[in-house]
Every structure is written in C-alpha cells, then in structure tokens.
Amino acid sequence: MGEMSTGFSLFIVGWTIVLVSLMAIGGYFMFRKFLKSMPKQDGKSDLDWQDHYIDQTRALWTDEGLTLLNELVDPVPQLFRDVARRSIAAKIGQIALEEKATTITTDLIVKGYIVATPKRDHKWLIAHLKSKEIDYTPYEKYLNAEG
C-alpha cells in the first residue's frame, strides 16, 4: 500500500524549498526592521529619527514638493513605496533642518533623494529631472559621491 510516487515526492521537496526561501526572505526584512528600531547611543533609533525629521518639517512641504517626491518614489514596488517615501522624506527633512530652510524646495528634494537612495536609483532620478526640464548639473557632485 505505501509507495509514494516520484512526482509527489518532488512536489513535496520543491514546496519545502519554496516555503523555506519565503520564510528566509521574510525573516531578513523583519530583522532589518528590528535593527532600525534598536536605540543608538543617543537613545533614539533610526525609525525615531525618521519620525522626528518628518514631524519637524511637515509644515515646510509644498504641494509641488509632495508631488515631486511621489513621482520620484513611483518606480518603487507598491509594497515598499510607503517605507521608501518615509525614509527619503526624513532625509530631506534632515537636510532642510541642517540648512535652516523655510520651505522644502526642489533643490532639497533632489539632494535628499540622492543621499537617501542607492546609486543604482540615480539613473531614474536624472531621467526624471530631464523629463521635467530641471537642470541636474548642480547635483552632479552628490551623484558621483559614494553614498
């Protein structure tokens, strides 16, 4: 009565590999989130600082600035878009506070985006700025600097 077919055995092995892979990927992202929520020497975590910069600069954003930010995070997959938007907005807020800005300008958004994103995303930024006819030459020093 008991011989399992080879096809069914392969299905079980394949399904096991898929489940272990998905759990490993999920665990990786959960662990990253856990590390970001750990307090640093100053007693605040990366996520606390993100919230701080966003709260401090919320009133400085213009509708045009928010539209540009949303356009810049558009290529990010829907699942990660809110996280990306928050981390980029926090970096823009940090730069705005350091420069004592009164509003979030296109200049600050572009600088913050460059600093907050990996180098591979910068091609999209340049293409987008060209399509909006925004001169990106002032930012080339940031684009070529290693993140």
C-alpha atoms as a PDB file:
ATOM      1  CA  MET A   1       0.000   0.000   0.000  1.00  0.00           C
ATOM      2  CA  GLY A   2       2.642   2.531   0.578  1.00  0.00           C
ATOM      3  CA  GLU A   3       4.865   3.570  -2.340  1.00  0.00           C
ATOM      4  CA  MET A   4       4.709   7.366  -2.853  1.00  0.00           C
ATOM      5  CA  SER A   5       5.008   8.402  -6.475  1.00  0.00           C
ATOM      6  CA  THR A   6       8.214  10.160  -7.548  1.00  0.00           C
ATOM      7  CA  GLY A   7       6.225  13.167  -8.787  1.00  0.00           C
ATOM      8  CA  PHE A   8       4.581  13.656  -5.412  1.00  0.00           C
ATOM      9  CA  SER A   9       7.968  13.363  -3.636  1.00  0.00           C
ATOM     10  CA  LEU A  10       9.448  16.001  -5.923  1.00  0.00           C
ATOM     11  CA  PHE A  11       6.430  18.228  -5.305  1.00  0.00           C
ATOM     12  CA  ILE A  12       6.941  17.941  -1.523  1.00  0.00           C
ATOM     13  CA  VAL A  13      10.677  18.693  -1.828  1.00  0.00           C
ATOM     14  CA  GLY A  14      10.024  21.657  -4.147  1.00  0.00           C
ATOM     15  CA  TRP A  15       7.294  23.047  -1.896  1.00  0.00           C
ATOM     16  CA  THR A  16       9.613  22.731   1.133  1.00  0.00           C
ATOM     17  CA  ILE A  17      12.315  24.719  -0.688  1.00  0.00           C
ATOM     18  CA  VAL A  18       9.780  27.424  -1.646  1.00  0.00           C
ATOM     19  CA  LEU A  19       8.481  27.751   1.922  1.00  0.00           C
ATOM     20  CA  VAL A  20      11.960  27.857   3.486  1.00  0.00           C
ATOM     21  CA  SER A  21      13.022  30.512   0.924  1.00  0.00           C
ATOM     22  CA  LEU A  22       9.978  32.686   1.619  1.00  0.00           C
ATOM     23  CA  MET A  23      10.486  32.426   5.382  1.00  0.00           C
ATOM     24  CA  ALA A  24      14.172  33.348   4.991  1.00  0.00           C
ATOM     25  CA  ILE A  25      13.286  36.416   2.903  1.00  0.00           C
ATOM     26  CA  GLY A  26      10.593  37.489   5.392  1.00  0.00           C
ATOM     27  CA  GLY A  27      12.973  36.942   8.290  1.00  0.00           C
ATOM     28  CA  TYR A  28      15.619  39.072   6.613  1.00  0.00           C
ATOM     29  CA  PHE A  29      13.243  42.041   6.236  1.00  0.00           C
ATOM     30  CA  MET A  30      11.901  41.605   9.782  1.00  0.00           C
ATOM     31  CA  PHE A  31      15.465  41.542  11.120  1.00  0.00           C
ATOM     32  CA  ARG A  32      16.334  44.734   9.203  1.00  0.00           C
ATOM     33  CA  LYS A  33      13.277  46.461  10.658  1.00  0.00           C
ATOM     34  CA  PHE A  34      14.291  45.198  14.123  1.00  0.00           C
ATOM     35  CA  LEU A  35      17.804  46.644  13.713  1.00  0.00           C
ATOM     36  CA  LYS A  36      16.364  50.020  12.634  1.00  0.00           C
ATOM     37  CA  SER A  37      14.190  50.096  15.748  1.00  0.00           C
ATOM     38  CA  MET A  38      17.116  49.468  18.132  1.00  0.00           C
ATOM     39  CA  PRO A  39      18.141  52.598  20.083  1.00  0.00           C
ATOM     40  CA  LYS A  40      21.556  54.065  19.226  1.00  0.00           C
ATOM     41  CA  GLN A  41      23.969  55.790  21.619  1.00  0.00           C
ATOM     42  CA  ASP A  42      21.736  58.886  21.701  1.00  0.00           C
ATOM     43  CA  GLY A  43      18.778  56.767  22.853  1.00  0.00           C
ATOM     44  CA  LYS A  44      16.858  57.162  19.581  1.00  0.00           C
ATOM     45  CA  SER A  45      16.556  54.547  16.871  1.00  0.00           C
ATOM     46  CA  ASP A  46      16.774  55.204  13.110  1.00  0.00           C
ATOM     47  CA  LEU A  47      12.971  54.986  12.949  1.00  0.00           C
ATOM     48  CA  ASP A  48      12.636  57.505  15.825  1.00  0.00           C
ATOM     49  CA  TRP A  49      14.913  59.909  13.958  1.00  0.00           C
ATOM     50  CA  GLN A  50      12.881  59.421  10.757  1.00  0.00           C
ATOM     51  CA  ASP A  51       9.684  60.316  12.618  1.00  0.00           C
ATOM     52  CA  HIS A  52      11.426  63.296  14.251  1.00  0.00           C
ATOM     53  CA  TYR A  53      12.618  64.774  10.934  1.00  0.00           C
ATOM     54  CA  ILE A  54       9.234  64.213   9.282  1.00  0.00           C
ATOM     55  CA  ASP A  55       7.331  65.817  12.189  1.00  0.00           C
ATOM     56  CA  GLN A  56       9.737  68.782  12.394  1.00  0.00           C
ATOM     57  CA  THR A  57       9.472  69.572   8.672  1.00  0.00           C
ATOM     58  CA  ARG A  58       5.850  68.600   7.891  1.00  0.00           C
ATOM     59  CA  ALA A  59       4.780  72.270   7.601  1.00  0.00           C
ATOM     60  CA  LEU A  60       7.634  73.126   5.203  1.00  0.00           C
ATOM     61  CA  TRP A  61       6.367  70.888   2.373  1.00  0.00           C
ATOM     62  CA  THR A  62       4.544  72.433  -0.588  1.00  0.00           C
ATOM     63  CA  ASP A  63       2.073  70.615  -2.815  1.00  0.00           C
ATOM     64  CA  GLU A  64       4.599  70.722  -5.667  1.00  0.00           C
ATOM     65  CA  GLY A  65       7.257  69.238  -3.383  1.00  0.00           C
ATOM     66  CA  LEU A  66       4.991  66.373  -2.321  1.00  0.00           C
ATOM     67  CA  THR A  67       4.058  65.730  -5.955  1.00  0.00           C
ATOM     68  CA  LEU A  68       7.745  65.548  -6.935  1.00  0.00           C
ATOM     69  CA  LEU A  69       8.502  63.188  -4.036  1.00  0.00           C
ATOM     70  CA  ASN A  70       5.609  60.919  -5.064  1.00  0.00           C
ATOM     71  CA  GLU A  71       6.844  60.923  -8.667  1.00  0.00           C
ATOM     72  CA  LEU A  72      10.365  60.006  -7.533  1.00  0.00           C
ATOM     73  CA  VAL A  73       9.180  57.000  -5.465  1.00  0.00           C
ATOM     74  CA  ASP A  74       6.820  55.869  -8.241  1.00  0.00           C
ATOM     75  CA  PRO A  75       9.172  53.157  -9.627  1.00  0.00           C
ATOM     76  CA  VAL A  76       9.422  51.551  -6.166  1.00  0.00           C
ATOM     77  CA  PRO A  77       7.162  48.472  -5.912  1.00  0.00           C
ATOM     78  CA  GLN A  78       3.846  49.299  -4.202  1.00  0.00           C
ATOM     79  CA  LEU A  79       4.701  47.086  -1.219  1.00  0.00           C
ATOM     80  CA  PHE A  80       7.805  49.136  -0.294  1.00  0.00           C
ATOM     81  CA  ARG A  81       6.721  52.559  -1.598  1.00  0.00           C
ATOM     82  CA  ASP A  82       5.484  53.988   1.735  1.00  0.00           C
ATOM     83  CA  VAL A  83       8.652  52.909   3.532  1.00  0.00           C
ATOM     84  CA  ALA A  84      10.808  54.408   0.779  1.00  0.00           C
ATOM     85  CA  ARG A  85       8.779  57.645   0.794  1.00  0.00           C
ATOM     86  CA  ARG A  86       9.158  57.985   4.581  1.00  0.00           C
ATOM     87  CA  SER A  87      12.899  57.340   4.618  1.00  0.00           C
ATOM     88  CA  ILE A  88      13.521  59.745   1.710  1.00  0.00           C
ATOM     89  CA  ALA A  89      11.225  62.412   3.255  1.00  0.00           C
ATOM     90  CA  ALA A  90      13.101  62.036   6.563  1.00  0.00           C
ATOM     91  CA  LYS A  91      16.470  62.545   4.843  1.00  0.00           C
ATOM     92  CA  ILE A  92      15.091  65.602   3.012  1.00  0.00           C
ATOM     93  CA  GLY A  93      13.783  66.908   6.363  1.00  0.00           C
ATOM     94  CA  GLN A  94      17.167  66.368   7.994  1.00  0.00           C
ATOM     95  CA  ILE A  95      18.939  68.350   5.258  1.00  0.00           C
ATOM     96  CA  ALA A  96      16.256  71.088   5.452  1.00  0.00           C
ATOM     97  CA  LEU A  97      16.800  71.431   9.226  1.00  0.00           C
ATOM     98  CA  GLU A  98      20.595  71.473   8.820  1.00  0.00           C
ATOM     99  CA  GLU A  99      20.296  74.221   6.200  1.00  0.00           C
ATOM    100  CA  LYS A 100      17.621  76.059   8.249  1.00  0.00           C
ATOM    101  CA  ALA A 101      15.282  76.068   5.232  1.00  0.00           C
ATOM    102  CA  THR A 102      11.884  77.767   5.408  1.00  0.00           C
ATOM    103  CA  THR A 103      10.303  75.562   2.724  1.00  0.00           C
ATOM    104  CA  ILE A 104      11.162  72.238   1.120  1.00  0.00           C
ATOM    105  CA  THR A 105      12.451  73.223  -2.321  1.00  0.00           C
ATOM    106  CA  THR A 106      13.122  71.098  -5.405  1.00  0.00           C
ATOM    107  CA  ASP A 107      16.811  71.548  -4.562  1.00  0.00           C
ATOM    108  CA  LEU A 108      16.358  69.962  -1.111  1.00  0.00           C
ATOM    109  CA  ILE A 109      14.210  67.140  -2.511  1.00  0.00           C
ATOM    110  CA  VAL A 110      16.808  66.219  -5.127  1.00  0.00           C
ATOM    111  CA  LYS A 111      19.683  66.376  -2.596  1.00  0.00           C
ATOM    112  CA  GLY A 112      17.742  64.284  -0.075  1.00  0.00           C
ATOM    113  CA  TYR A 113      16.746  61.727  -2.709  1.00  0.00           C
ATOM    114  CA  ILE A 114      20.372  61.326  -3.823  1.00  0.00           C
ATOM    115  CA  VAL A 115      21.622  60.865  -0.254  1.00  0.00           C
ATOM    116  CA  ALA A 116      18.783  58.528   0.778  1.00  0.00           C
ATOM    117  CA  THR A 117      18.846  56.184  -2.238  1.00  0.00           C
ATOM    118  CA  PRO A 118      21.402  53.718  -3.578  1.00  0.00           C
ATOM    119  CA  LYS A 119      23.465  54.750  -6.589  1.00  0.00           C
ATOM    120  CA  ARG A 120      21.535  52.423  -8.931  1.00  0.00           C
ATOM    121  CA  ASP A 121      18.389  54.587  -8.465  1.00  0.00           C
ATOM    122  CA  HIS A 122      20.139  57.756  -9.601  1.00  0.00           C
ATOM    123  CA  LYS A 123      19.712  56.972 -13.330  1.00  0.00           C
ATOM    124  CA  TRP A 124      15.938  57.154 -12.818  1.00  0.00           C
ATOM    125  CA  LEU A 125      16.338  60.486 -10.978  1.00  0.00           C
ATOM    126  CA  ILE A 126      18.402  62.008 -13.807  1.00  0.00           C
ATOM    127  CA  ALA A 127      15.927  60.772 -16.428  1.00  0.00           C
ATOM    128  CA  HIS A 128      13.016  62.190 -14.416  1.00  0.00           C
ATOM    129  CA  LEU A 129      14.704  65.572 -13.905  1.00  0.00           C
ATOM    130  CA  LYS A 130      15.443  65.747 -17.653  1.00  0.00           C
ATOM    131  CA  SER A 131      11.796  64.970 -18.469  1.00  0.00           C
ATOM    132  CA  LYS A 132      10.692  67.794 -16.128  1.00  0.00           C
ATOM    133  CA  GLU A 133      13.377  70.068 -17.624  1.00  0.00           C
ATOM    134  CA  ILE A 134      15.103  70.546 -14.269  1.00  0.00           C
ATOM    135  CA  ASP A 135      18.851  71.182 -14.545  1.00  0.00           C
ATOM    136  CA  TYR A 136      20.672  68.484 -12.605  1.00  0.00           C
ATOM    137  CA  THR A 137      24.231  69.794 -13.059  1.00  0.00           C
ATOM    138  CA  PRO A 138      24.306  71.383  -9.560  1.00  0.00           C
ATOM    139  CA  TYR A 139      23.790  67.880  -8.099  1.00  0.00           C
ATOM    140  CA  GLU A 140      26.499  66.062 -10.036  1.00  0.00           C
ATOM    141  CA  LYS A 141      28.892  66.313  -7.090  1.00  0.00           C
ATOM    142  CA  TYR A 142      26.324  64.441  -4.947  1.00  0.00           C
ATOM    143  CA  LEU A 143      25.572  61.916  -7.701  1.00  0.00           C
ATOM    144  CA  ASN A 144      29.239  60.976  -8.054  1.00  0.00           C
ATOM    145  CA  ALA A 145      29.935  60.870  -4.319  1.00  0.00           C
ATOM    146  CA  GLU A 146      29.607  57.399  -2.858  1.00  0.00           C
ATOM    147  CA  GLY A 147      26.516  57.136  -0.633  1.00  0.00           C
END
